Amino acid sequence: MIQNDLPAIFRDFNPIEDKMLQVIDNEGNVVNKKLMPVLDDETVIEAYKQMLYERIADEMAVSYQRQGRMYTYTPNIGQEAIHIAAGMNIREEDWLVPAFREMGTLLAKGVTMKEMFLFYLGNEHGGSFKNVRHVLPIAISIGTQFHHATGIGYSVKYQKKDEVVYTFIGDGGTSEGDFSEGLNFAGVWQVPVVFTIQNNQYAISVPVKLQTNSINLAVKSVAFGIPGIKVDGNDFFAMYLAYKTASEYARAGKGAVLIEAFTYRRGAHTTSDDPSKYRGKDEETRWGLTDPLIRLQRYMQSKGIWNIDEEKLIEEYKSEIDAQFVEAENNKSYPWEDIFGHMYTDMPDELKRQKMEYEQFLSWKENRR
């Protein structure tokens, strides 16, 4: 990595100095006019609408799970600015290698809510996004996506294609060996990959301070010889600028980039988690003041470009999302018995017990309708 060849924001916001890129504050005020991306009003409005859509879809997904209509789900609330900023920079030919908390980016790439609902309903078709190019299935095992993204990036570079690979991981995932292995290979071979750490402060219940003694997570890029930057993950404009700069750098053949999106997981780790057991209400309230949707809304209001009938838009989104969920819910592409029937010639007692419990669950679910 040649330091003189770095984009200005990577020099000005050196992670070794623990600086963080920010364009607007919590009140929507511009704090760094020189860094404000050049976006017309329509694009800013569209960004807000996409963030709102993700927020509504996320809340509805949690509701479906609580109703017993869907299985374990990973909430996205509070991280929408990261997802939409990335999505607005990804081209059709670019690659998206997700983890499991990037709903908005998947939507921006063309994946439908129905397809994501199929995934969380345990439907085998939920992992194959047939109508979009270059999107890998949602990755549940932590860190493996960094290997996949780096490998795709190596192939892209070898074939001299004009493509960039985007991939994501959580702060907890940085403790996995796959994280370091993927970044090391990416640094050696200068592959066109934009790596994002969504630092939402918790790996399930483990805070960042118990994951690493590093001053931040972006500084981990130094060991692998690639540029890194810490960005306010709840600031849409800062995230947009970071992704625009990183993708241009990677697309120009200069190598990989590591972005730490400093944010907060407003919801539970999954719907099987109870965050009240390891964090307090004061902390949640404090971070709630940084809400990415409220910040962008305040900015738009200050500029006189807020022209959204939000209540009407929310009802439209709810209707559309619910229709896609019902369609996914009614997709009976294979009998549930196949889950148990293709594992053993002679079903063990433990599996028989699980099958019986699932039959009871389905009966309970049907009787609730």
Protein backbone atom coordinates (compact mmCIF):
# COMPACT_ATOMS: atom_id res chain seq x y z
CA MET A 1 0.00 0.00 0.00
CA ILE A 2 1.53 3.30 -1.11
CA GLN A 3 0.40 5.99 1.35
CA ASN A 4 0.79 8.80 -1.20
CA ASP A 5 -1.71 7.03 -3.45
CA LEU A 6 -4.44 6.99 -0.81
CA PRO A 7 -7.64 9.01 -1.22
CA ALA A 8 -7.65 12.11 0.98
CA ILE A 9 -10.26 10.86 3.45
CA PHE A 10 -8.11 7.82 4.28
CA ARG A 11 -5.19 10.10 5.09
CA ASP A 12 -7.29 12.67 6.97
CA PHE A 13 -9.15 10.07 9.03
CA ASN A 14 -6.28 7.79 9.91
CA PRO A 15 -7.55 4.96 12.14
CA ILE A 16 -4.23 4.95 14.02
CA GLU A 17 -5.26 8.37 15.35
CA ASP A 18 -8.79 7.07 16.08
CA LYS A 19 -10.42 9.69 13.90
CA MET A 20 -13.96 9.09 12.64
CA LEU A 21 -15.46 10.36 9.39
CA GLN A 22 -18.68 12.29 10.00
CA VAL A 23 -20.61 14.69 7.74
CA ILE A 24 -23.82 15.43 9.70
CA ASP A 25 -24.39 15.31 13.45
CA ASN A 26 -27.32 13.87 15.38
CA GLU A 27 -29.38 17.00 14.74
CA GLY A 28 -28.86 16.79 10.99
CA ASN A 29 -26.44 19.72 10.91
CA VAL A 30 -23.58 19.58 8.41
CA VAL A 31 -20.33 19.49 10.38
CA ASN A 32 -17.97 19.12 7.43
CA LYS A 33 -19.19 20.91 4.29
CA LYS A 34 -16.11 19.95 2.26
CA LEU A 35 -16.97 16.27 2.64
CA MET A 36 -20.67 16.50 1.78
CA PRO A 37 -21.23 14.16 -1.21
CA VAL A 38 -22.70 15.78 -4.32
CA LEU A 39 -26.20 14.30 -4.36
CA ASP A 40 -29.31 15.89 -5.80
CA ASP A 41 -32.46 16.25 -3.71
CA GLU A 42 -34.20 13.32 -5.41
CA THR A 43 -31.34 10.97 -4.51
CA VAL A 44 -31.40 12.05 -0.86
CA ILE A 45 -35.17 11.55 -0.73
CA GLU A 46 -34.78 8.12 -2.33
CA ALA A 47 -32.14 7.18 0.24
CA TYR A 48 -34.52 8.06 3.06
CA LYS A 49 -37.33 6.07 1.46
CA GLN A 50 -35.10 3.01 1.13
CA MET A 51 -33.98 3.33 4.75
CA LEU A 52 -37.60 3.66 5.85
CA TYR A 53 -38.59 0.60 3.81
CA GLU A 54 -35.88 -1.45 5.49
CA ARG A 55 -36.98 -0.22 8.93
CA ILE A 56 -40.63 -1.17 8.30
CA ALA A 57 -39.72 -4.54 6.77
CA ASP A 58 -37.45 -5.26 9.71
CA GLU A 59 -40.13 -4.45 12.28
CA MET A 60 -42.66 -6.58 10.42
CA ALA A 61 -40.24 -9.51 10.22
CA VAL A 62 -39.79 -9.42 14.01
CA SER A 63 -43.59 -9.31 14.36
CA TYR A 64 -44.05 -12.35 12.10
CA GLN A 65 -41.51 -14.26 14.17
CA ARG A 66 -43.24 -13.31 17.42
CA GLN A 67 -46.53 -14.55 15.95
CA GLY A 68 -44.96 -17.95 15.34
CA ARG A 69 -45.20 -17.52 11.58
CA MET A 70 -41.44 -17.31 10.95
CA TYR A 71 -38.30 -18.76 12.51
CA THR A 72 -35.32 -17.06 14.13
CA TYR A 73 -34.63 -13.64 12.61
CA THR A 74 -31.73 -11.16 12.84
CA PRO A 75 -33.00 -7.56 13.26
CA ASN A 76 -31.38 -4.72 11.30
CA ILE A 77 -32.82 -1.70 13.13
CA GLY A 78 -30.33 1.14 13.54
CA GLN A 79 -27.98 0.05 10.76
CA GLU A 80 -29.98 1.23 7.75
CA ALA A 81 -27.63 4.07 6.74
CA ILE A 82 -24.80 1.58 6.21
CA HIS A 83 -26.89 -0.77 4.09
CA ILE A 84 -28.47 1.85 1.85
CA ALA A 85 -25.26 3.83 1.36
CA ALA A 86 -23.56 0.63 0.22
CA GLY A 87 -26.51 -0.33 -1.97
CA MET A 88 -26.50 3.03 -3.73
CA ASN A 89 -22.85 2.52 -4.71
CA ILE A 90 -23.04 -1.11 -5.85
CA ARG A 91 -23.37 -1.52 -9.60
CA GLU A 92 -25.36 -4.28 -11.26
CA GLU A 93 -22.18 -6.16 -12.22
CA ASP A 94 -20.62 -5.84 -8.74
CA TRP A 95 -20.70 -8.68 -6.23
CA LEU A 96 -22.47 -8.76 -2.87
CA VAL A 97 -21.29 -11.32 -0.33
CA PRO A 98 -23.50 -10.71 2.71
CA ALA A 99 -23.40 -11.87 6.29
CA PHE A 100 -26.85 -12.00 7.92
CA ARG A 101 -27.66 -8.37 8.80
CA GLU A 102 -27.66 -6.52 5.46
CA MET A 103 -31.33 -6.43 4.46
CA GLY A 104 -31.19 -2.98 2.85
CA THR A 105 -28.15 -3.79 0.72
CA LEU A 106 -29.75 -7.00 -0.52
CA LEU A 107 -32.90 -5.05 -1.41
CA ALA A 108 -30.86 -2.42 -3.23
CA LYS A 109 -29.14 -5.15 -5.25
CA GLY A 110 -32.54 -6.46 -6.37
CA VAL A 111 -33.30 -9.25 -3.90
CA THR A 112 -37.00 -9.23 -2.92
CA MET A 113 -38.53 -9.41 0.53
CA LYS A 114 -40.26 -12.61 -0.55
CA GLU A 115 -36.88 -14.24 -1.17
CA MET A 116 -35.57 -13.12 2.21
CA PHE A 117 -38.74 -14.31 3.93
CA LEU A 118 -38.29 -17.70 2.24
CA PHE A 119 -34.83 -17.88 3.79
CA TYR A 120 -36.13 -17.18 7.30
CA LEU A 121 -38.97 -19.65 6.74
CA GLY A 122 -36.41 -22.39 6.16
CA ASN A 123 -37.32 -22.75 2.49
CA GLU A 124 -34.46 -24.09 0.37
CA HIS A 125 -35.26 -21.52 -2.35
CA GLY A 126 -34.49 -18.69 0.07
CA GLY A 127 -30.80 -18.96 -0.71
CA SER A 128 -31.04 -18.68 -4.48
CA PHE A 129 -31.70 -15.17 -5.74
CA LYS A 130 -32.71 -16.01 -9.29
CA ASN A 131 -33.45 -12.58 -10.70
CA VAL A 132 -30.28 -10.75 -9.63
CA ARG A 133 -26.65 -11.07 -10.63
CA HIS A 134 -23.69 -11.72 -8.38
CA VAL A 135 -25.37 -12.07 -4.98
CA LEU A 136 -24.30 -14.93 -2.72
CA PRO A 137 -26.64 -16.52 -0.17
CA ILE A 138 -26.91 -15.11 3.34
CA ALA A 139 -23.99 -16.43 5.42
CA ILE A 140 -24.83 -17.73 8.88
CA SER A 141 -21.42 -19.17 9.83
CA ILE A 142 -19.35 -16.25 11.07
CA GLY A 143 -16.48 -15.08 8.88
CA THR A 144 -16.66 -17.50 5.97
CA GLN A 145 -17.93 -14.74 3.70
CA PHE A 146 -14.54 -12.99 3.89
CA HIS A 147 -12.91 -16.02 2.26
CA HIS A 148 -15.58 -16.13 -0.42
CA ALA A 149 -15.37 -12.40 -1.14
CA THR A 150 -11.58 -12.47 -1.36
CA GLY A 151 -11.68 -15.45 -3.71
CA ILE A 152 -14.20 -13.74 -5.96
CA GLY A 153 -12.07 -10.60 -5.88
CA TYR A 154 -9.03 -12.61 -6.96
CA SER A 155 -11.02 -14.05 -9.87
CA VAL A 156 -12.28 -10.60 -10.87
CA LYS A 157 -8.73 -9.25 -10.90
CA TYR A 158 -7.37 -12.26 -12.79
CA GLN A 159 -10.04 -11.86 -15.48
CA LYS A 160 -9.50 -8.08 -15.59
CA LYS A 161 -13.19 -7.38 -15.03
CA ASP A 162 -14.59 -4.00 -14.05
CA GLU A 163 -16.23 -5.32 -10.88
CA VAL A 164 -15.99 -4.68 -7.15
CA VAL A 165 -16.88 -7.12 -4.37
CA TYR A 166 -18.71 -5.92 -1.25
CA THR A 167 -18.78 -7.99 1.91
CA PHE A 168 -19.78 -7.47 5.55
CA ILE A 169 -18.99 -8.78 9.00
CA GLY A 170 -19.86 -7.82 12.58
CA ASP A 171 -17.49 -6.66 15.29
CA GLY A 172 -17.56 -10.14 16.83
CA GLY A 173 -16.57 -11.65 13.51
CA THR A 174 -13.22 -9.86 13.67
CA SER A 175 -12.19 -12.43 16.30
CA GLU A 176 -12.59 -15.24 13.79
CA GLY A 177 -9.55 -16.53 11.93
CA ASP A 178 -11.40 -16.17 8.64
CA PHE A 179 -11.38 -12.39 9.11
CA SER A 180 -7.59 -12.20 9.25
CA GLU A 181 -7.04 -14.84 6.58
CA GLY A 182 -9.34 -13.09 4.12
CA LEU A 183 -7.81 -9.67 4.71
CA ASN A 184 -4.25 -10.99 4.54
CA PHE A 185 -4.85 -12.62 1.15
CA ALA A 186 -6.68 -9.49 -0.05
CA GLY A 187 -3.75 -7.32 0.98
CA VAL A 188 -1.12 -9.52 -0.66
CA TRP A 189 -2.97 -9.79 -3.97
CA GLN A 190 -4.59 -6.33 -3.93
CA VAL A 191 -8.02 -7.66 -4.83
CA PRO A 192 -10.95 -5.27 -5.52
CA VAL A 193 -12.93 -5.94 -2.34
CA VAL A 194 -14.63 -3.44 -0.03
CA PHE A 195 -14.74 -5.04 3.41
CA THR A 196 -17.15 -3.60 5.99
CA ILE A 197 -17.11 -4.22 9.73
CA GLN A 198 -20.51 -3.31 11.12
CA ASN A 199 -19.37 -2.41 14.61
CA ASN A 200 -22.72 -2.44 16.40
CA GLN A 201 -20.97 -2.71 19.78
CA TYR A 202 -21.98 -6.28 20.64
CA ALA A 203 -21.15 -9.80 19.51
CA ILE A 204 -24.42 -11.26 20.80
CA SER A 205 -23.81 -10.24 24.45
CA VAL A 206 -20.05 -9.61 24.34
CA PRO A 207 -19.07 -5.91 24.08
CA VAL A 208 -16.29 -4.78 21.77
CA LYS A 209 -13.94 -4.04 24.67
CA LEU A 210 -13.90 -7.78 25.43
CA GLN A 211 -13.27 -8.66 21.76
CA THR A 212 -10.15 -6.59 21.15
CA ASN A 213 -7.71 -4.18 22.77
CA SER A 214 -7.27 -2.26 19.51
CA ILE A 215 -8.04 1.46 19.59
CA ASN A 216 -10.74 0.75 16.98
CA LEU A 217 -11.50 -1.94 14.44
CA ALA A 218 -10.48 -0.03 11.31
CA VAL A 219 -6.88 0.00 12.54
CA LYS A 220 -6.71 -3.74 11.94
CA SER A 221 -6.24 -2.87 8.26
CA VAL A 222 -2.68 -1.70 8.96
CA ALA A 223 -1.43 -5.23 9.60
CA PHE A 224 -2.63 -6.32 6.17
CA GLY A 225 -1.31 -3.35 4.22
CA ILE A 226 -4.67 -2.02 3.07
CA PRO A 227 -6.32 1.33 3.76
CA GLY A 228 -8.85 1.47 6.57
CA ILE A 229 -11.25 4.09 7.86
CA LYS A 230 -13.63 4.48 10.78
CA VAL A 231 -16.96 6.01 9.77
CA ASP A 232 -20.03 7.18 11.66
CA GLY A 233 -22.31 4.32 10.65
CA ASN A 234 -25.48 6.28 11.50
CA ASP A 235 -24.56 9.13 9.15
CA PHE A 236 -25.84 8.33 5.65
CA PHE A 237 -23.66 10.94 3.95
CA ALA A 238 -20.47 9.79 5.68
CA MET A 239 -21.20 6.19 4.76
CA TYR A 240 -22.04 7.15 1.17
CA LEU A 241 -18.75 9.06 0.82
CA ALA A 242 -16.78 6.17 2.32
CA TYR A 243 -18.33 3.63 -0.05
CA LYS A 244 -17.98 5.88 -3.08
CA THR A 245 -14.30 6.49 -2.34
CA ALA A 246 -13.58 2.86 -1.47
CA SER A 247 -15.31 1.48 -4.57
CA GLU A 248 -13.46 3.92 -6.84
CA TYR A 249 -10.17 2.92 -5.22
CA ALA A 250 -10.88 -0.80 -5.63
CA ARG A 251 -12.25 -0.43 -9.16
CA ALA A 252 -9.11 1.42 -10.21
CA GLY A 253 -7.09 -1.71 -9.42
CA LYS A 254 -5.46 -0.32 -6.28
CA GLY A 255 -6.64 -3.07 -3.96
CA ALA A 256 -8.94 -3.73 -1.05
CA VAL A 257 -10.33 -1.34 1.56
CA LEU A 258 -11.56 -1.92 5.12
CA ILE A 259 -14.41 0.24 6.46
CA GLU A 260 -15.46 0.21 10.10
CA ALA A 261 -19.06 1.43 10.33
CA PHE A 262 -19.43 2.61 13.93
CA THR A 263 -23.07 2.00 14.81
CA TYR A 264 -25.36 0.35 17.35
CA ARG A 265 -27.49 -2.76 17.26
CA ARG A 266 -30.80 -1.26 18.40
CA GLY A 267 -32.57 -4.60 18.43
CA ALA A 268 -31.68 -8.02 19.75
CA HIS A 269 -28.90 -10.11 18.21
CA THR A 270 -31.64 -12.43 17.00
CA THR A 271 -35.23 -12.96 18.04
CA SER A 272 -33.92 -15.64 20.43
CA ASP A 273 -31.88 -13.04 22.33
CA ASP A 274 -32.83 -10.78 25.27
CA PRO A 275 -30.49 -7.75 25.28
CA SER A 276 -31.91 -6.49 28.60
CA LYS A 277 -29.77 -9.14 30.28
CA TYR A 278 -26.50 -7.48 29.28
CA ARG A 279 -27.17 -3.79 28.59
CA GLY A 280 -29.20 -1.03 30.23
CA LYS A 281 -32.01 1.27 29.12
CA ASP A 282 -29.81 4.35 29.54
CA GLU A 283 -27.39 3.00 26.95
CA GLU A 284 -30.20 2.19 24.53
CA THR A 285 -31.74 5.65 25.00
CA ARG A 286 -28.39 7.36 24.44
CA TRP A 287 -27.77 5.49 21.21
CA GLY A 288 -31.37 6.06 20.14
CA LEU A 289 -30.51 9.75 19.79
CA THR A 290 -28.21 8.83 16.90
CA ASP A 291 -30.98 7.12 14.86
CA PRO A 292 -29.94 7.28 11.17
CA LEU A 293 -33.47 7.91 9.89
CA ILE A 294 -34.11 10.79 12.28
CA ARG A 295 -30.75 12.36 11.43
CA LEU A 296 -31.39 12.25 7.70
CA GLN A 297 -34.95 13.50 8.18
CA ARG A 298 -33.71 16.48 10.20
CA TYR A 299 -31.16 17.30 7.50
CA MET A 300 -33.85 17.18 4.81
CA GLN A 301 -36.14 19.42 6.86
CA SER A 302 -33.35 21.95 7.40
CA LYS A 303 -32.77 22.08 3.63
CA GLY A 304 -36.46 22.37 2.80
CA ILE A 305 -36.56 19.12 0.81
CA TRP A 306 -38.76 17.14 3.20
CA ASN A 307 -41.87 16.47 1.12
CA ILE A 308 -42.72 12.94 2.23
CA ASP A 309 -46.15 11.89 3.49
CA GLU A 310 -44.57 9.38 5.83
CA GLU A 311 -47.79 7.90 7.24
CA LYS A 312 -49.11 7.17 3.76
CA LEU A 313 -45.75 5.76 2.67
CA ILE A 314 -45.57 3.48 5.71
CA GLU A 315 -49.01 2.05 4.97
CA GLU A 316 -48.00 1.42 1.34
CA TYR A 317 -44.82 -0.32 2.48
CA LYS A 318 -46.67 -2.43 5.05
CA SER A 319 -49.19 -3.60 2.47
CA GLU A 320 -46.47 -4.50 -0.05
CA ILE A 321 -44.29 -6.28 2.51
CA ASP A 322 -47.18 -8.24 3.99
CA ALA A 323 -48.24 -9.42 0.53
CA GLN A 324 -44.72 -10.72 -0.09
CA PHE A 325 -44.66 -12.48 3.28
CA VAL A 326 -47.99 -14.20 2.68
CA GLU A 327 -46.75 -15.34 -0.72
CA ALA A 328 -43.59 -16.75 0.86
CA GLU A 329 -45.53 -18.29 3.73
CA ASN A 330 -47.81 -20.12 1.30
CA ASN A 331 -44.90 -21.39 -0.80
CA LYS A 332 -45.00 -25.11 -0.04
CA SER A 333 -42.31 -26.19 -2.45
CA TYR A 334 -41.47 -29.33 -0.48
CA PRO A 335 -43.03 -31.25 2.44
CA TRP A 336 -41.58 -30.45 5.84
CA GLU A 337 -41.13 -34.16 6.51
CA ASP A 338 -38.17 -34.06 4.10
CA ILE A 339 -36.17 -32.25 6.79
CA PHE A 340 -36.23 -35.43 8.86
CA GLY A 341 -36.70 -38.11 6.22
CA HIS A 342 -33.43 -37.72 4.31
CA MET A 343 -30.99 -37.85 7.22
CA TYR A 344 -30.93 -41.46 8.43
CA THR A 345 -32.10 -44.86 7.20
CA ASP A 346 -33.29 -45.61 10.72
CA MET A 347 -34.35 -42.43 12.47
CA PRO A 348 -32.74 -42.11 15.94
CA ASP A 349 -34.95 -41.53 18.99
CA GLU A 350 -33.78 -37.93 19.43
CA LEU A 351 -34.80 -37.05 15.88
CA LYS A 352 -38.13 -38.84 16.35
CA ARG A 353 -38.72 -36.64 19.38
CA GLN A 354 -37.90 -33.49 17.41
CA LYS A 355 -40.22 -34.55 14.61
CA MET A 356 -43.06 -35.13 17.07
CA GLU A 357 -42.46 -31.72 18.68
CA TYR A 358 -42.52 -30.06 15.27
CA GLU A 359 -45.81 -31.77 14.42
CA GLN A 360 -47.23 -30.43 17.67
CA PHE A 361 -45.94 -26.94 16.83
CA LEU A 362 -47.58 -27.01 13.40
CA SER A 363 -50.84 -28.16 14.95
CA TRP A 364 -50.67 -25.31 17.49
CA LYS A 365 -49.88 -22.83 14.73
CA GLU A 366 -52.82 -24.00 12.61
CA ASN A 367 -55.25 -23.79 15.54
CA ARG A 368 -54.26 -20.15 16.19
CA ARG A 369 -55.50 -19.02 12.79
